[in-house]
Amino acid sequence: METTMTTTTFQPGTDNHASNDVLHALAEFPVAWFEATPAYLVLGPIAAFLREWAAATPAGFVLSLLKR
């Protein structure tokens, strides 16, 4: 049985680049998965309606004034 050792060399200044790519991919996966489900097609219009409804309430008016 023979064992081998693998070494990896990184260019200077790229030590954090690979981990950022992995974290970005991990963060995007749940969103991409949810957007591919039928639930997304149903919940999208419902969420839009609820956003518009909340904006039309008195609390929504106050929050929109505070954002400006």
C-alpha atoms as a PDB file:
ATOM      1  CA  MET A   1       0.000   0.000   0.000  1.00  0.00           C
ATOM      2  CA  GLU A   2       1.434   3.299  -1.051  1.00  0.00           C
ATOM      3  CA  THR A   3       0.466   6.652   0.430  1.00  0.00           C
ATOM      4  CA  THR A   4       0.890   9.920  -1.339  1.00  0.00           C
ATOM      5  CA  MET A   5       0.719  13.439  -0.032  1.00  0.00           C
ATOM      6  CA  THR A   6      -0.899  16.175  -2.054  1.00  0.00           C
ATOM      7  CA  THR A   7       0.095  19.763  -1.566  1.00  0.00           C
ATOM      8  CA  THR A   8      -1.684  22.839  -2.810  1.00  0.00           C
ATOM      9  CA  THR A   9      -0.002  26.127  -3.544  1.00  0.00           C
ATOM     10  CA  PHE A  10      -1.840  29.433  -3.634  1.00  0.00           C
ATOM     11  CA  GLN A  11      -0.695  32.632  -5.214  1.00  0.00           C
ATOM     12  CA  PRO A  12      -0.051  35.473  -2.771  1.00  0.00           C
ATOM     13  CA  GLY A  13      -3.162  37.509  -2.036  1.00  0.00           C
ATOM     14  CA  THR A  14      -5.660  34.805  -3.013  1.00  0.00           C
ATOM     15  CA  ASP A  15      -5.872  33.088   0.374  1.00  0.00           C
ATOM     16  CA  ASN A  16      -9.317  34.504   1.120  1.00  0.00           C
ATOM     17  CA  HIS A  17     -10.713  34.381  -2.432  1.00  0.00           C
ATOM     18  CA  ALA A  18     -11.582  30.681  -2.485  1.00  0.00           C
ATOM     19  CA  SER A  19     -13.440  30.777   0.805  1.00  0.00           C
ATOM     20  CA  ASN A  20     -15.458  33.804  -0.332  1.00  0.00           C
ATOM     21  CA  ASP A  21     -16.523  31.944  -3.478  1.00  0.00           C
ATOM     22  CA  VAL A  22     -17.645  28.964  -1.425  1.00  0.00           C
ATOM     23  CA  LEU A  23     -19.586  31.130   1.015  1.00  0.00           C
ATOM     24  CA  HIS A  24     -21.237  32.982  -1.866  1.00  0.00           C
ATOM     25  CA  ALA A  25     -22.304  29.700  -3.485  1.00  0.00           C
ATOM     26  CA  LEU A  26     -23.637  28.381  -0.174  1.00  0.00           C
ATOM     27  CA  ALA A  27     -25.629  31.553   0.393  1.00  0.00           C
ATOM     28  CA  GLU A  28     -27.140  31.480  -3.098  1.00  0.00           C
ATOM     29  CA  PHE A  29     -28.107  27.795  -3.089  1.00  0.00           C
ATOM     30  CA  PRO A  30     -31.213  28.040  -0.838  1.00  0.00           C
ATOM     31  CA  VAL A  31     -32.513  31.012  -2.820  1.00  0.00           C
ATOM     32  CA  ALA A  32     -31.977  29.278  -6.166  1.00  0.00           C
ATOM     33  CA  TRP A  33     -33.565  26.092  -4.859  1.00  0.00           C
ATOM     34  CA  PHE A  34     -36.622  27.926  -3.535  1.00  0.00           C
ATOM     35  CA  GLU A  35     -37.055  29.841  -6.788  1.00  0.00           C
ATOM     36  CA  ALA A  36     -37.129  26.507  -8.637  1.00  0.00           C
ATOM     37  CA  THR A  37     -40.034  25.150  -6.551  1.00  0.00           C
ATOM     38  CA  PRO A  38     -43.728  25.527  -7.377  1.00  0.00           C
ATOM     39  CA  ALA A  39     -44.213  27.257  -4.013  1.00  0.00           C
ATOM     40  CA  TYR A  40     -42.231  30.230  -5.325  1.00  0.00           C
ATOM     41  CA  LEU A  41     -44.742  30.681  -8.148  1.00  0.00           C
ATOM     42  CA  VAL A  42     -47.598  30.806  -5.623  1.00  0.00           C
ATOM     43  CA  LEU A  43     -45.872  32.816  -2.908  1.00  0.00           C
ATOM     44  CA  GLY A  44     -44.480  35.505  -5.233  1.00  0.00           C
ATOM     45  CA  PRO A  45     -47.846  37.122  -6.030  1.00  0.00           C
ATOM     46  CA  ILE A  46     -49.040  36.657  -2.444  1.00  0.00           C
ATOM     47  CA  ALA A  47     -45.937  38.411  -1.104  1.00  0.00           C
ATOM     48  CA  ALA A  48     -46.391  41.266  -3.595  1.00  0.00           C
ATOM     49  CA  PHE A  49     -50.015  41.686  -2.518  1.00  0.00           C
ATOM     50  CA  LEU A  50     -49.056  41.712   1.170  1.00  0.00           C
ATOM     51  CA  ARG A  51     -46.316  44.295   0.552  1.00  0.00           C
ATOM     52  CA  GLU A  52     -48.739  46.594  -1.251  1.00  0.00           C
ATOM     53  CA  TRP A  53     -51.410  46.058   1.401  1.00  0.00           C
ATOM     54  CA  ALA A  54     -48.972  46.824   4.231  1.00  0.00           C
ATOM     55  CA  ALA A  55     -47.811  49.968   2.413  1.00  0.00           C
ATOM     56  CA  ALA A  56     -51.436  51.149   2.195  1.00  0.00           C
ATOM     57  CA  THR A  57     -51.976  50.950   5.968  1.00  0.00           C
ATOM     58  CA  PRO A  58     -51.329  53.948   8.242  1.00  0.00           C
ATOM     59  CA  ALA A  59     -48.210  52.237   9.590  1.00  0.00           C
ATOM     60  CA  GLY A  60     -47.026  51.758   6.004  1.00  0.00           C
ATOM     61  CA  PHE A  61     -47.445  55.454   5.298  1.00  0.00           C
ATOM     62  CA  VAL A  62     -45.421  56.371   8.373  1.00  0.00           C
ATOM     63  CA  LEU A  63     -42.655  53.911   7.469  1.00  0.00           C
ATOM     64  CA  SER A  64     -42.488  55.222   3.912  1.00  0.00           C
ATOM     65  CA  LEU A  65     -42.151  58.780   5.240  1.00  0.00           C
ATOM     66  CA  LEU A  66     -39.360  57.678   7.591  1.00  0.00           C
ATOM     67  CA  LYS A  67     -37.439  55.996   4.733  1.00  0.00           C
ATOM     68  CA  ARG A  68     -37.255  59.254   2.750  1.00  0.00           C
END
